[in-house]
């Protein structure tokens, strides 16, 4: 479930960047450009940027780690939906 939340947010952030004529070629590129071109510019809160970065770390742990995750999945899903909604508003 964590990786689904991450990819929903990742692709939403990527869409915002494409809408602004940026073409990141990696996950790290999306995270970095999202921070510098969307968060730093004040278009979304720093909490949104942190959430995307935190989800990236959680996704790596979920997909490649050996320790179980102790996360509130319902909260992640709610925050993911809110993140995606905000990104949709930015590209309208």
PDB file of N, CA and C in Angstrom:
ATOM      1  N   UNK A   1       0.813  -1.187   0.000  1.00  0.00           N
ATOM      2  CA  UNK A   1       0.000   0.000   0.000  1.00  0.00           C
ATOM      3  C   UNK A   1       0.865   1.264   0.000  1.00  0.00           C
ATOM      4  N   UNK A   2       1.990   1.225   0.710  1.00  0.00           N
ATOM      5  CA  UNK A   2       2.860   2.395   0.787  1.00  0.00           C
ATOM      6  C   UNK A   2       3.364   2.785  -0.598  1.00  0.00           C
ATOM      7  N   UNK A   3       3.750   1.783  -1.392  1.00  0.00           N
ATOM      8  CA  UNK A   3       4.273   2.150  -2.714  1.00  0.00           C
ATOM      9  C   UNK A   3       3.184   2.728  -3.615  1.00  0.00           C
ATOM     10  N   UNK A   4       1.937   2.321  -3.433  1.00  0.00           N
ATOM     11  CA  UNK A   4       0.834   2.902  -4.208  1.00  0.00           C
ATOM     12  C   UNK A   4       0.640   4.369  -3.844  1.00  0.00           C
ATOM     13  N   UNK A   5       0.722   4.665  -2.546  1.00  0.00           N
ATOM     14  CA  UNK A   5       0.618   6.061  -2.098  1.00  0.00           C
ATOM     15  C   UNK A   5       1.772   6.880  -2.673  1.00  0.00           C
ATOM     16  N   UNK A   6       2.970   6.319  -2.592  1.00  0.00           N
ATOM     17  CA  UNK A   6       4.128   7.051  -3.113  1.00  0.00           C
ATOM     18  C   UNK A   6       3.967   7.334  -4.597  1.00  0.00           C
ATOM     19  N   UNK A   7       3.624   6.326  -5.379  1.00  0.00           N
ATOM     20  CA  UNK A   7       3.536   6.538  -6.823  1.00  0.00           C
ATOM     21  C   UNK A   7       2.411   7.484  -7.201  1.00  0.00           C
ATOM     22  N   UNK A   8       1.316   7.487  -6.468  1.00  0.00           N
ATOM     23  CA  UNK A   8       0.252   8.462  -6.727  1.00  0.00           C
ATOM     24  C   UNK A   8       0.791   9.880  -6.536  1.00  0.00           C
ATOM     25  N   UNK A   9       1.509  10.096  -5.446  1.00  0.00           N
ATOM     26  CA  UNK A   9       2.072  11.425  -5.172  1.00  0.00           C
ATOM     27  C   UNK A   9       3.207  11.755  -6.133  1.00  0.00           C
ATOM     28  N   UNK A  10       4.044  10.778  -6.417  1.00  0.00           N
ATOM     29  CA  UNK A  10       5.157  10.982  -7.344  1.00  0.00           C
ATOM     30  C   UNK A  10       4.651  11.439  -8.707  1.00  0.00           C
ATOM     31  N   UNK A  11       3.658  10.738  -9.241  1.00  0.00           N
ATOM     32  CA  UNK A  11       3.146  11.085 -10.571  1.00  0.00           C
ATOM     33  C   UNK A  11       2.396  12.420 -10.551  1.00  0.00           C
ATOM     34  N   UNK A  12       1.728  12.720  -9.458  1.00  0.00           N
ATOM     35  CA  UNK A  12       1.055  14.018  -9.342  1.00  0.00           C
ATOM     36  C   UNK A  12       2.086  15.146  -9.314  1.00  0.00           C
ATOM     37  N   UNK A  13       3.157  14.960  -8.557  1.00  0.00           N
ATOM     38  CA  UNK A  13       4.229  15.964  -8.508  1.00  0.00           C
ATOM     39  C   UNK A  13       4.895  16.088  -9.878  1.00  0.00           C
ATOM     40  N   UNK A  14       5.105  14.971 -10.529  1.00  0.00           N
ATOM     41  CA  UNK A  14       5.705  14.967 -11.864  1.00  0.00           C
ATOM     42  C   UNK A  14       4.827  15.740 -12.857  1.00  0.00           C
ATOM     43  N   UNK A  15       3.520  15.588 -12.755  1.00  0.00           N
ATOM     44  CA  UNK A  15       2.604  16.310 -13.641  1.00  0.00           C
ATOM     45  C   UNK A  15       2.724  17.823 -13.450  1.00  0.00           C
ATOM     46  N   UNK A  16       2.870  18.244 -12.196  1.00  0.00           N
ATOM     47  CA  UNK A  16       3.054  19.676 -11.920  1.00  0.00           C
ATOM     48  C   UNK A  16       4.341  20.164 -12.564  1.00  0.00           C
ATOM     49  N   UNK A  17       5.386  19.380 -12.453  1.00  0.00           N
ATOM     50  CA  UNK A  17       6.669  19.770 -13.050  1.00  0.00           C
ATOM     51  C   UNK A  17       6.585  19.809 -14.570  1.00  0.00           C
ATOM     52  N   UNK A  18       5.949  18.821 -15.172  1.00  0.00           N
ATOM     53  CA  UNK A  18       5.771  18.837 -16.628  1.00  0.00           C
ATOM     54  C   UNK A  18       4.968  20.054 -17.065  1.00  0.00           C
ATOM     55  N   UNK A  19       3.947  20.401 -16.274  1.00  0.00           N
ATOM     56  CA  UNK A  19       3.124  21.560 -16.578  1.00  0.00           C
ATOM     57  C   UNK A  19       3.955  22.844 -16.570  1.00  0.00           C
ATOM     58  N   UNK A  20       5.051  22.823 -15.832  1.00  0.00           N
ATOM     59  CA  UNK A  20       5.939  23.991 -15.734  1.00  0.00           C
ATOM     60  C   UNK A  20       7.175  23.845 -16.617  1.00  0.00           C
ATOM     61  N   UNK A  21       7.088  22.957 -17.593  1.00  0.00           N
ATOM     62  CA  UNK A  21       8.146  22.739 -18.585  1.00  0.00           C
ATOM     63  C   UNK A  21       9.444  22.174 -18.012  1.00  0.00           C
ATOM     64  N   UNK A  22       9.322  21.388 -16.958  1.00  0.00           N
ATOM     65  CA  UNK A  22      10.474  20.655 -16.418  1.00  0.00           C
ATOM     66  C   UNK A  22      10.305  19.194 -16.784  1.00  0.00           C
ATOM     67  N   UNK A  23      11.403  18.534 -17.105  1.00  0.00           N
ATOM     68  CA  UNK A  23      11.347  17.124 -17.476  1.00  0.00           C
ATOM     69  C   UNK A  23      12.356  16.322 -16.670  1.00  0.00           C
ATOM     70  N   UNK A  24      12.084  16.087 -15.391  1.00  0.00           N
ATOM     71  CA  UNK A  24      13.023  15.301 -14.589  1.00  0.00           C
ATOM     72  C   UNK A  24      13.097  13.872 -15.113  1.00  0.00           C
ATOM     73  N   UNK A  25      14.287  13.295 -15.046  1.00  0.00           N
ATOM     74  CA  UNK A  25      14.476  11.960 -15.624  1.00  0.00           C
ATOM     75  C   UNK A  25      14.649  10.867 -14.578  1.00  0.00           C
ATOM     76  N   UNK A  26      14.448  11.204 -13.311  1.00  0.00           N
ATOM     77  CA  UNK A  26      14.606  10.202 -12.260  1.00  0.00           C
ATOM     78  C   UNK A  26      13.710  10.555 -11.077  1.00  0.00           C
ATOM     79  N   UNK A  27      13.584   9.604 -10.174  1.00  0.00           N
ATOM     80  CA  UNK A  27      12.812   9.865  -8.963  1.00  0.00           C
ATOM     81  C   UNK A  27      13.460  10.992  -8.168  1.00  0.00           C
ATOM     82  N   UNK A  28      14.765  10.924  -8.030  1.00  0.00           N
ATOM     83  CA  UNK A  28      15.491  11.976  -7.319  1.00  0.00           C
ATOM     84  C   UNK A  28      15.314  13.330  -7.979  1.00  0.00           C
ATOM     85  N   UNK A  29      15.270  13.335  -9.301  1.00  0.00           N
ATOM     86  CA  UNK A  29      15.056  14.579 -10.034  1.00  0.00           C
ATOM     87  C   UNK A  29      13.692  15.173  -9.754  1.00  0.00           C
ATOM     88  N   UNK A  30      12.682  14.328  -9.686  1.00  0.00           N
ATOM     89  CA  UNK A  30      11.331  14.810  -9.367  1.00  0.00           C
ATOM     90  C   UNK A  30      11.311  15.394  -7.962  1.00  0.00           C
ATOM     91  N   UNK A  31      11.888  14.670  -7.003  1.00  0.00           N
ATOM     92  CA  UNK A  31      11.882  15.144  -5.615  1.00  0.00           C
ATOM     93  C   UNK A  31      12.639  16.463  -5.492  1.00  0.00           C
ATOM     94  N   UNK A  32      13.782  16.550  -6.130  1.00  0.00           N
ATOM     95  CA  UNK A  32      14.599  17.753  -6.045  1.00  0.00           C
ATOM     96  C   UNK A  32      13.918  18.944  -6.718  1.00  0.00           C
ATOM     97  N   UNK A  33      13.461  18.752  -7.939  1.00  0.00           N
ATOM     98  CA  UNK A  33      12.794  19.838  -8.660  1.00  0.00           C
ATOM     99  C   UNK A  33      11.485  20.245  -7.994  1.00  0.00           C
ATOM    100  N   UNK A  34      10.772  19.291  -7.457  1.00  0.00           N
ATOM    101  CA  UNK A  34       9.536  19.628  -6.766  1.00  0.00           C
ATOM    102  C   UNK A  34       9.850  20.549  -5.591  1.00  0.00           C
ATOM    103  N   UNK A  35      10.897  20.228  -4.883  1.00  0.00           N
ATOM    104  CA  UNK A  35      11.302  21.075  -3.765  1.00  0.00           C
ATOM    105  C   UNK A  35      11.694  22.464  -4.205  1.00  0.00           C
ATOM    106  N   UNK A  36      12.529  22.544  -5.238  1.00  0.00           N
ATOM    107  CA  UNK A  36      13.057  23.854  -5.639  1.00  0.00           C
ATOM    108  C   UNK A  36      12.084  24.671  -6.482  1.00  0.00           C
ATOM    109  N   UNK A  37      11.246  24.023  -7.255  1.00  0.00           N
ATOM    110  CA  UNK A  37      10.372  24.748  -8.182  1.00  0.00           C
ATOM    111  C   UNK A  37       8.933  24.894  -7.705  1.00  0.00           C
ATOM    112  N   UNK A  38       8.527  24.112  -6.740  1.00  0.00           N
ATOM    113  CA  UNK A  38       7.139  24.183  -6.286  1.00  0.00           C
ATOM    114  C   UNK A  38       7.076  24.588  -4.806  1.00  0.00           C
ATOM    115  N   UNK A  39       7.854  23.912  -3.977  1.00  0.00           N
ATOM    116  CA  UNK A  39       7.819  24.212  -2.544  1.00  0.00           C
ATOM    117  C   UNK A  39       8.510  25.537  -2.245  1.00  0.00           C
ATOM    118  N   UNK A  40       9.744  25.698  -2.700  1.00  0.00           N
ATOM    119  CA  UNK A  40      10.491  26.926  -2.409  1.00  0.00           C
ATOM    120  C   UNK A  40       9.803  28.144  -3.013  1.00  0.00           C
ATOM    121  N   UNK A  41       9.163  27.961  -4.148  1.00  0.00           N
ATOM    122  CA  UNK A  41       8.443  29.069  -4.783  1.00  0.00           C
ATOM    123  C   UNK A  41       7.167  29.430  -4.031  1.00  0.00           C
ATOM    124  N   UNK A  42       6.778  28.604  -3.065  1.00  0.00           N
ATOM    125  CA  UNK A  42       5.623  28.916  -2.234  1.00  0.00           C
ATOM    126  C   UNK A  42       4.291  28.439  -2.775  1.00  0.00           C
ATOM    127  N   UNK A  43       4.321  27.592  -3.799  1.00  0.00           N
ATOM    128  CA  UNK A  43       3.072  27.110  -4.389  1.00  0.00           C
ATOM    129  C   UNK A  43       2.401  26.023  -3.548  1.00  0.00           C
ATOM    130  N   UNK A  44       3.176  25.327  -2.756  1.00  0.00           N
ATOM    131  CA  UNK A  44       2.649  24.364  -1.781  1.00  0.00           C
ATOM    132  C   UNK A  44       3.471  24.496  -0.501  1.00  0.00           C
ATOM    133  N   UNK A  45       2.924  23.990   0.569  1.00  0.00           N
ATOM    134  CA  UNK A  45       3.596  24.092   1.863  1.00  0.00           C
ATOM    135  C   UNK A  45       4.807  23.157   1.938  1.00  0.00           C
ATOM    136  N   UNK A  46       5.692  23.490   2.842  1.00  0.00           N
ATOM    137  CA  UNK A  46       6.850  22.626   3.086  1.00  0.00           C
ATOM    138  C   UNK A  46       6.407  21.255   3.578  1.00  0.00           C
ATOM    139  N   UNK A  47       5.268  21.207   4.261  1.00  0.00           N
ATOM    140  CA  UNK A  47       4.736  19.918   4.713  1.00  0.00           C
ATOM    141  C   UNK A  47       4.450  18.994   3.530  1.00  0.00           C
ATOM    142  N   UNK A  48       3.967  19.555   2.434  1.00  0.00           N
ATOM    143  CA  UNK A  48       3.707  18.737   1.233  1.00  0.00           C
ATOM    144  C   UNK A  48       5.023  18.175   0.687  1.00  0.00           C
ATOM    145  N   UNK A  49       6.032  19.012   0.633  1.00  0.00           N
ATOM    146  CA  UNK A  49       7.331  18.552   0.158  1.00  0.00           C
ATOM    147  C   UNK A  49       7.922  17.484   1.060  1.00  0.00           C
ATOM    148  N   UNK A  50       7.808  17.694   2.365  1.00  0.00           N
ATOM    149  CA  UNK A  50       8.307  16.692   3.315  1.00  0.00           C
ATOM    150  C   UNK A  50       7.543  15.391   3.184  1.00  0.00           C
ATOM    151  N   UNK A  51       6.236  15.495   2.987  1.00  0.00           N
ATOM    152  CA  UNK A  51       5.429  14.286   2.839  1.00  0.00           C
ATOM    153  C   UNK A  51       5.892  13.463   1.636  1.00  0.00           C
ATOM    154  N   UNK A  52       6.136  14.117   0.511  1.00  0.00           N
ATOM    155  CA  UNK A  52       6.611  13.403  -0.672  1.00  0.00           C
ATOM    156  C   UNK A  52       7.955  12.736  -0.389  1.00  0.00           C
ATOM    157  N   UNK A  53       8.864  13.435   0.248  1.00  0.00           N
ATOM    158  CA  UNK A  53      10.162  12.854   0.590  1.00  0.00           C
ATOM    159  C   UNK A  53      10.031  11.714   1.597  1.00  0.00           C
ATOM    160  N   UNK A  54       9.169  11.888   2.586  1.00  0.00           N
ATOM    161  CA  UNK A  54       8.950  10.824   3.569  1.00  0.00           C
ATOM    162  C   UNK A  54       8.360   9.585   2.905  1.00  0.00           C
ATOM    163  N   UNK A  55       7.406   9.797   1.987  1.00  0.00           N
ATOM    164  CA  UNK A  55       6.828   8.658   1.264  1.00  0.00           C
ATOM    165  C   UNK A  55       7.872   7.933   0.435  1.00  0.00           C
ATOM    166  N   UNK A  56       8.794   8.681  -0.144  1.00  0.00           N
ATOM    167  CA  UNK A  56       9.863   8.061  -0.922  1.00  0.00           C
ATOM    168  C   UNK A  56      10.690   7.132  -0.035  1.00  0.00           C
ATOM    169  N   UNK A  57      11.039   7.608   1.138  1.00  0.00           N
ATOM    170  CA  UNK A  57      11.820   6.779   2.073  1.00  0.00           C
ATOM    171  C   UNK A  57      11.012   5.569   2.537  1.00  0.00           C
ATOM    172  N   UNK A  58       9.732   5.776   2.821  1.00  0.00           N
ATOM    173  CA  UNK A  58       8.882   4.656   3.237  1.00  0.00           C
ATOM    174  C   UNK A  58       8.738   3.624   2.125  1.00  0.00           C
ATOM    175  N   UNK A  59       8.600   4.113   0.892  1.00  0.00           N
ATOM    176  CA  UNK A  59       8.478   3.178  -0.238  1.00  0.00           C
ATOM    177  C   UNK A  59       9.716   2.324  -0.379  1.00  0.00           C
ATOM    178  N   UNK A  60      10.883   2.938  -0.238  1.00  0.00           N
ATOM    179  CA  UNK A  60      12.130   2.163  -0.328  1.00  0.00           C
ATOM    180  C   UNK A  60      12.202   1.132   0.784  1.00  0.00           C
ATOM    181  N   UNK A  61      11.814   1.534   1.988  1.00  0.00           N
ATOM    182  CA  UNK A  61      11.820   0.595   3.111  1.00  0.00           C
ATOM    183  C   UNK A  61      10.829  -0.537   2.867  1.00  0.00           C
ATOM    184  N   UNK A  62       9.643  -0.199   2.381  1.00  0.00           N
ATOM    185  CA  UNK A  62       8.614  -1.211   2.139  1.00  0.00           C
ATOM    186  C   UNK A  62       9.028  -2.178   1.031  1.00  0.00           C
ATOM    187  N   UNK A  63       9.643  -1.652  -0.018  1.00  0.00           N
ATOM    188  CA  UNK A  63      10.007  -2.488  -1.162  1.00  0.00           C
ATOM    189  C   UNK A  63      11.311  -3.243  -0.976  1.00  0.00           C
ATOM    190  N   UNK A  64      12.268  -2.652  -0.265  1.00  0.00           N
ATOM    191  CA  UNK A  64      13.607  -3.241  -0.205  1.00  0.00           C
ATOM    192  C   UNK A  64      14.106  -3.524   1.204  1.00  0.00           C
ATOM    193  N   UNK A  65      13.411  -3.018   2.212  1.00  0.00           N
ATOM    194  CA  UNK A  65      13.880  -3.158   3.577  1.00  0.00           C
ATOM    195  C   UNK A  65      13.529  -4.508   4.170  1.00  0.00           C
ATOM    196  N   UNK A  66      14.133  -4.759   5.288  1.00  0.00           N
ATOM    197  CA  UNK A  66      13.906  -6.032   5.966  1.00  0.00           C
ATOM    198  C   UNK A  66      13.141  -5.853   7.267  1.00  0.00           C
ATOM    199  N   UNK A  67      12.889  -4.606   7.625  1.00  0.00           N
ATOM    200  CA  UNK A  67      12.141  -4.306   8.836  1.00  0.00           C
ATOM    201  C   UNK A  67      10.696  -3.990   8.467  1.00  0.00           C
ATOM    202  N   UNK A  68       9.753  -4.439   9.286  1.00  0.00           N
ATOM    203  CA  UNK A  68       8.352  -4.069   9.016  1.00  0.00           C
ATOM    204  C   UNK A  68       8.134  -2.575   9.265  1.00  0.00           C
ATOM    205  N   UNK A  69       7.190  -2.023   8.552  1.00  0.00           N
ATOM    206  CA  UNK A  69       6.844  -0.614   8.729  1.00  0.00           C
ATOM    207  C   UNK A  69       5.771  -0.488   9.794  1.00  0.00           C
ATOM    208  N   UNK A  70       5.885   0.545  10.582  1.00  0.00           N
ATOM    209  CA  UNK A  70       4.884   0.828  11.600  1.00  0.00           C
ATOM    210  C   UNK A  70       4.249   2.166  11.255  1.00  0.00           C
ATOM    211  N   UNK A  71       3.380   2.154  10.257  1.00  0.00           N
ATOM    212  CA  UNK A  71       2.747   3.377   9.762  1.00  0.00           C
ATOM    213  C   UNK A  71       1.236   3.225   9.808  1.00  0.00           C
ATOM    214  N   UNK A  72       0.564   4.332  10.024  1.00  0.00           N
ATOM    215  CA  UNK A  72      -0.890   4.380   9.981  1.00  0.00           C
ATOM    216  C   UNK A  72      -1.296   4.499   8.510  1.00  0.00           C
ATOM    217  N   UNK A  73      -1.685   3.395   7.919  1.00  0.00           N
ATOM    218  CA  UNK A  73      -1.983   3.353   6.488  1.00  0.00           C
ATOM    219  C   UNK A  73      -3.169   4.250   6.148  1.00  0.00           C
ATOM    220  N   UNK A  74      -4.180   4.280   7.005  1.00  0.00           N
ATOM    221  CA  UNK A  74      -5.336   5.145   6.729  1.00  0.00           C
ATOM    222  C   UNK A  74      -4.908   6.606   6.642  1.00  0.00           C
ATOM    223  N   UNK A  75      -4.008   7.013   7.517  1.00  0.00           N
ATOM    224  CA  UNK A  75      -3.503   8.382   7.488  1.00  0.00           C
ATOM    225  C   UNK A  75      -2.709   8.642   6.211  1.00  0.00           C
ATOM    226  N   UNK A  76      -1.878   7.690   5.801  1.00  0.00           N
ATOM    227  CA  UNK A  76      -1.112   7.839   4.557  1.00  0.00           C
ATOM    228  C   UNK A  76      -2.038   7.977   3.355  1.00  0.00           C
ATOM    229  N   UNK A  77      -3.090   7.176   3.326  1.00  0.00           N
ATOM    230  CA  UNK A  77      -4.049   7.238   2.211  1.00  0.00           C
ATOM    231  C   UNK A  77      -4.752   8.596   2.198  1.00  0.00           C
ATOM    232  N   UNK A  78      -5.163   9.072   3.360  1.00  0.00           N
ATOM    233  CA  UNK A  78      -5.818  10.378   3.430  1.00  0.00           C
ATOM    234  C   UNK A  78      -4.879  11.497   2.984  1.00  0.00           C
ATOM    235  N   UNK A  79      -3.640  11.459   3.456  1.00  0.00           N
ATOM    236  CA  UNK A  79      -2.676  12.492   3.091  1.00  0.00           C
ATOM    237  C   UNK A  79      -2.319  12.409   1.604  1.00  0.00           C
ATOM    238  N   UNK A  80      -2.293  11.191   1.075  1.00  0.00           N
ATOM    239  CA  UNK A  80      -2.034  11.007  -0.354  1.00  0.00           C
ATOM    240  C   UNK A  80      -3.154  11.637  -1.178  1.00  0.00           C
ATOM    241  N   UNK A  81      -4.384  11.388  -0.806  1.00  0.00           N
ATOM    242  CA  UNK A  81      -5.524  11.961  -1.530  1.00  0.00           C
ATOM    243  C   UNK A  81      -5.472  13.487  -1.490  1.00  0.00           C
ATOM    244  N   UNK A  82      -5.133  14.034  -0.352  1.00  0.00           N
ATOM    245  CA  UNK A  82      -5.034  15.483  -0.220  1.00  0.00           C
ATOM    246  C   UNK A  82      -3.904  16.039  -1.079  1.00  0.00           C
ATOM    247  N   UNK A  83      -2.764  15.353  -1.102  1.00  0.00           N
ATOM    248  CA  UNK A  83      -1.625  15.768  -1.914  1.00  0.00           C
ATOM    249  C   UNK A  83      -2.012  15.776  -3.390  1.00  0.00           C
ATOM    250  N   UNK A  84      -2.619  14.698  -3.850  1.00  0.00           N
ATOM    251  CA  UNK A  84      -3.011  14.593  -5.263  1.00  0.00           C
ATOM    252  C   UNK A  84      -4.027  15.674  -5.616  1.00  0.00           C
ATOM    253  N   UNK A  85      -4.987  15.913  -4.746  1.00  0.00           N
ATOM    254  CA  UNK A  85      -5.972  16.981  -4.994  1.00  0.00           C
ATOM    255  C   UNK A  85      -5.286  18.337  -5.155  1.00  0.00           C
ATOM    256  N   UNK A  86      -4.323  18.608  -4.296  1.00  0.00           N
ATOM    257  CA  UNK A  86      -3.594  19.881  -4.372  1.00  0.00           C
ATOM    258  C   UNK A  86      -2.824  19.990  -5.685  1.00  0.00           C
ATOM    259  N   UNK A  87      -2.197  18.905  -6.119  1.00  0.00           N
ATOM    260  CA  UNK A  87      -1.444  18.924  -7.377  1.00  0.00           C
ATOM    261  C   UNK A  87      -2.379  19.129  -8.555  1.00  0.00           C
ATOM    262  N   UNK A  88      -3.576  18.526  -8.502  1.00  0.00           N
ATOM    263  CA  UNK A  88      -4.553  18.729  -9.571  1.00  0.00           C
ATOM    264  C   UNK A  88      -4.924  20.209  -9.680  1.00  0.00           C
ATOM    265  N   UNK A  89      -5.085  20.855  -8.548  1.00  0.00           N
ATOM    266  CA  UNK A  89      -5.427  22.281  -8.568  1.00  0.00           C
ATOM    267  C   UNK A  89      -4.312  23.127  -9.188  1.00  0.00           C
ATOM    268  N   UNK A  90      -3.069  22.709  -8.996  1.00  0.00           N
ATOM    269  CA  UNK A  90      -1.949  23.455  -9.551  1.00  0.00           C
ATOM    270  C   UNK A  90      -1.850  23.359 -11.062  1.00  0.00           C
ATOM    271  N   UNK A  91      -2.349  22.290 -11.643  1.00  0.00           N
ATOM    272  CA  UNK A  91      -2.236  22.133 -13.096  1.00  0.00           C
ATOM    273  C   UNK A  91      -3.510  22.524 -13.837  1.00  0.00           C
ATOM    274  N   UNK A  92      -4.534  22.942 -13.120  1.00  0.00           N
ATOM    275  CA  UNK A  92      -5.780  23.335 -13.791  1.00  0.00           C
ATOM    276  C   UNK A  92      -5.669  24.702 -14.421  1.00  0.00           C
TER     277      UNK A  92
END
